[in-house]
Amino acid sequence: MEEQDALAHVKAAAAVLGLPLDAGRAAAVAQQFARTMALARLLAQVPLGPHDEPAELYRAAPFPDEELSA
């Protein structure tokens, strides 16, 4: 993502959310956004298998009366 694209994205997102950003603040946010995108690109290049990021297991908690009878 080019620097100008990041700035345009930040300005558009701020407008949609109703966030007042002056030019300096918008530029700072766009710079941080560009850094984050660069890190994401690096991480996306690392091959991951299912064992690298296992899904969490969901187990419903027992009802209080079931817990006492067990």
C-alpha atoms as a PDB file:
ATOM      1  CA  MET A   1       0.000   0.000   0.000  1.00  0.00           C
ATOM      2  CA  GLU A   2       1.414   3.336  -1.027  1.00  0.00           C
ATOM      3  CA  GLU A   3       1.697   6.165   1.485  1.00  0.00           C
ATOM      4  CA  GLN A   4      -0.967   8.191  -0.316  1.00  0.00           C
ATOM      5  CA  ASP A   5      -3.292   5.172  -0.354  1.00  0.00           C
ATOM      6  CA  ALA A   6      -2.847   4.738   3.397  1.00  0.00           C
ATOM      7  CA  LEU A   7      -3.604   8.402   3.992  1.00  0.00           C
ATOM      8  CA  ALA A   8      -6.709   8.234   1.799  1.00  0.00           C
ATOM      9  CA  HIS A   9      -7.867   5.145   3.699  1.00  0.00           C
ATOM     10  CA  VAL A  10      -7.345   6.826   7.077  1.00  0.00           C
ATOM     11  CA  LYS A  11      -9.217   9.951   6.006  1.00  0.00           C
ATOM     12  CA  ALA A  12     -12.110   7.921   4.584  1.00  0.00           C
ATOM     13  CA  ALA A  13     -12.361   5.719   7.688  1.00  0.00           C
ATOM     14  CA  ALA A  14     -12.271   8.765   9.964  1.00  0.00           C
ATOM     15  CA  ALA A  15     -15.052  10.400   7.958  1.00  0.00           C
ATOM     16  CA  VAL A  16     -17.230   7.275   8.130  1.00  0.00           C
ATOM     17  CA  LEU A  17     -16.684   7.015  11.889  1.00  0.00           C
ATOM     18  CA  GLY A  18     -17.142  10.737  12.460  1.00  0.00           C
ATOM     19  CA  LEU A  19     -13.659  11.137  13.937  1.00  0.00           C
ATOM     20  CA  PRO A  20     -12.189  14.603  13.596  1.00  0.00           C
ATOM     21  CA  LEU A  21      -8.581  14.298  12.374  1.00  0.00           C
ATOM     22  CA  ASP A  22      -6.411  17.260  11.473  1.00  0.00           C
ATOM     23  CA  ALA A  23      -3.831  16.817   8.710  1.00  0.00           C
ATOM     24  CA  GLY A  24      -0.970  16.065  11.113  1.00  0.00           C
ATOM     25  CA  ARG A  25      -2.903  13.459  13.065  1.00  0.00           C
ATOM     26  CA  ALA A  26      -4.169  11.818   9.872  1.00  0.00           C
ATOM     27  CA  ALA A  27      -0.599  11.607   8.560  1.00  0.00           C
ATOM     28  CA  ALA A  28       0.619  10.045  11.825  1.00  0.00           C
ATOM     29  CA  VAL A  29      -2.183   7.465  11.785  1.00  0.00           C
ATOM     30  CA  ALA A  30      -1.470   6.688   8.113  1.00  0.00           C
ATOM     31  CA  GLN A  31       2.223   6.206   8.912  1.00  0.00           C
ATOM     32  CA  GLN A  32       1.382   3.749  11.692  1.00  0.00           C
ATOM     33  CA  PHE A  33      -1.121   1.999   9.408  1.00  0.00           C
ATOM     34  CA  ALA A  34       1.594   1.593   6.762  1.00  0.00           C
ATOM     35  CA  ARG A  35       3.960   0.115   9.387  1.00  0.00           C
ATOM     36  CA  THR A  36       1.281  -2.327  10.478  1.00  0.00           C
ATOM     37  CA  MET A  37       0.665  -3.349   6.865  1.00  0.00           C
ATOM     38  CA  ALA A  38       4.403  -3.957   6.372  1.00  0.00           C
ATOM     39  CA  LEU A  39       4.491  -6.219   9.437  1.00  0.00           C
ATOM     40  CA  ALA A  40       1.379  -8.053   8.255  1.00  0.00           C
ATOM     41  CA  ARG A  41       3.001  -8.681   4.857  1.00  0.00           C
ATOM     42  CA  LEU A  42       6.030 -10.227   6.580  1.00  0.00           C
ATOM     43  CA  LEU A  43       3.870 -12.440   8.774  1.00  0.00           C
ATOM     44  CA  ALA A  44       1.705 -13.521   5.845  1.00  0.00           C
ATOM     45  CA  GLN A  45       4.808 -14.972   4.174  1.00  0.00           C
ATOM     46  CA  VAL A  46       5.424 -17.441   7.009  1.00  0.00           C
ATOM     47  CA  PRO A  47       3.835 -20.812   6.259  1.00  0.00           C
ATOM     48  CA  LEU A  48       1.652 -21.997   9.135  1.00  0.00           C
ATOM     49  CA  GLY A  49       0.024 -25.356   9.645  1.00  0.00           C
ATOM     50  CA  PRO A  50      -2.984 -26.259  11.800  1.00  0.00           C
ATOM     51  CA  HIS A  51      -0.659 -27.203  14.681  1.00  0.00           C
ATOM     52  CA  ASP A  52       0.802 -23.668  14.746  1.00  0.00           C
ATOM     53  CA  GLU A  53      -2.451 -21.996  15.695  1.00  0.00           C
ATOM     54  CA  PRO A  54      -4.892 -24.472  17.228  1.00  0.00           C
ATOM     55  CA  ALA A  55      -8.501 -23.465  17.570  1.00  0.00           C
ATOM     56  CA  GLU A  56      -9.741 -22.978  21.084  1.00  0.00           C
ATOM     57  CA  LEU A  57     -12.065 -25.647  22.385  1.00  0.00           C
ATOM     58  CA  TYR A  58     -15.496 -24.603  23.581  1.00  0.00           C
ATOM     59  CA  ARG A  59     -16.980 -26.475  26.477  1.00  0.00           C
ATOM     60  CA  ALA A  60     -20.232 -25.269  27.918  1.00  0.00           C
ATOM     61  CA  ALA A  61     -20.211 -24.790  31.659  1.00  0.00           C
ATOM     62  CA  PRO A  62     -22.509 -27.163  33.546  1.00  0.00           C
ATOM     63  CA  PHE A  63     -25.698 -25.850  35.051  1.00  0.00           C
ATOM     64  CA  PRO A  64     -25.359 -25.317  38.809  1.00  0.00           C
ATOM     65  CA  ASP A  65     -27.682 -28.224  39.690  1.00  0.00           C
ATOM     66  CA  GLU A  66     -25.808 -30.581  37.331  1.00  0.00           C
ATOM     67  CA  GLU A  67     -22.547 -29.640  39.004  1.00  0.00           C
ATOM     68  CA  LEU A  68     -23.877 -30.602  42.454  1.00  0.00           C
ATOM     69  CA  SER A  69     -25.256 -33.965  41.318  1.00  0.00           C
ATOM     70  CA  ALA A  70     -22.029 -35.063  39.646  1.00  0.00           C
END
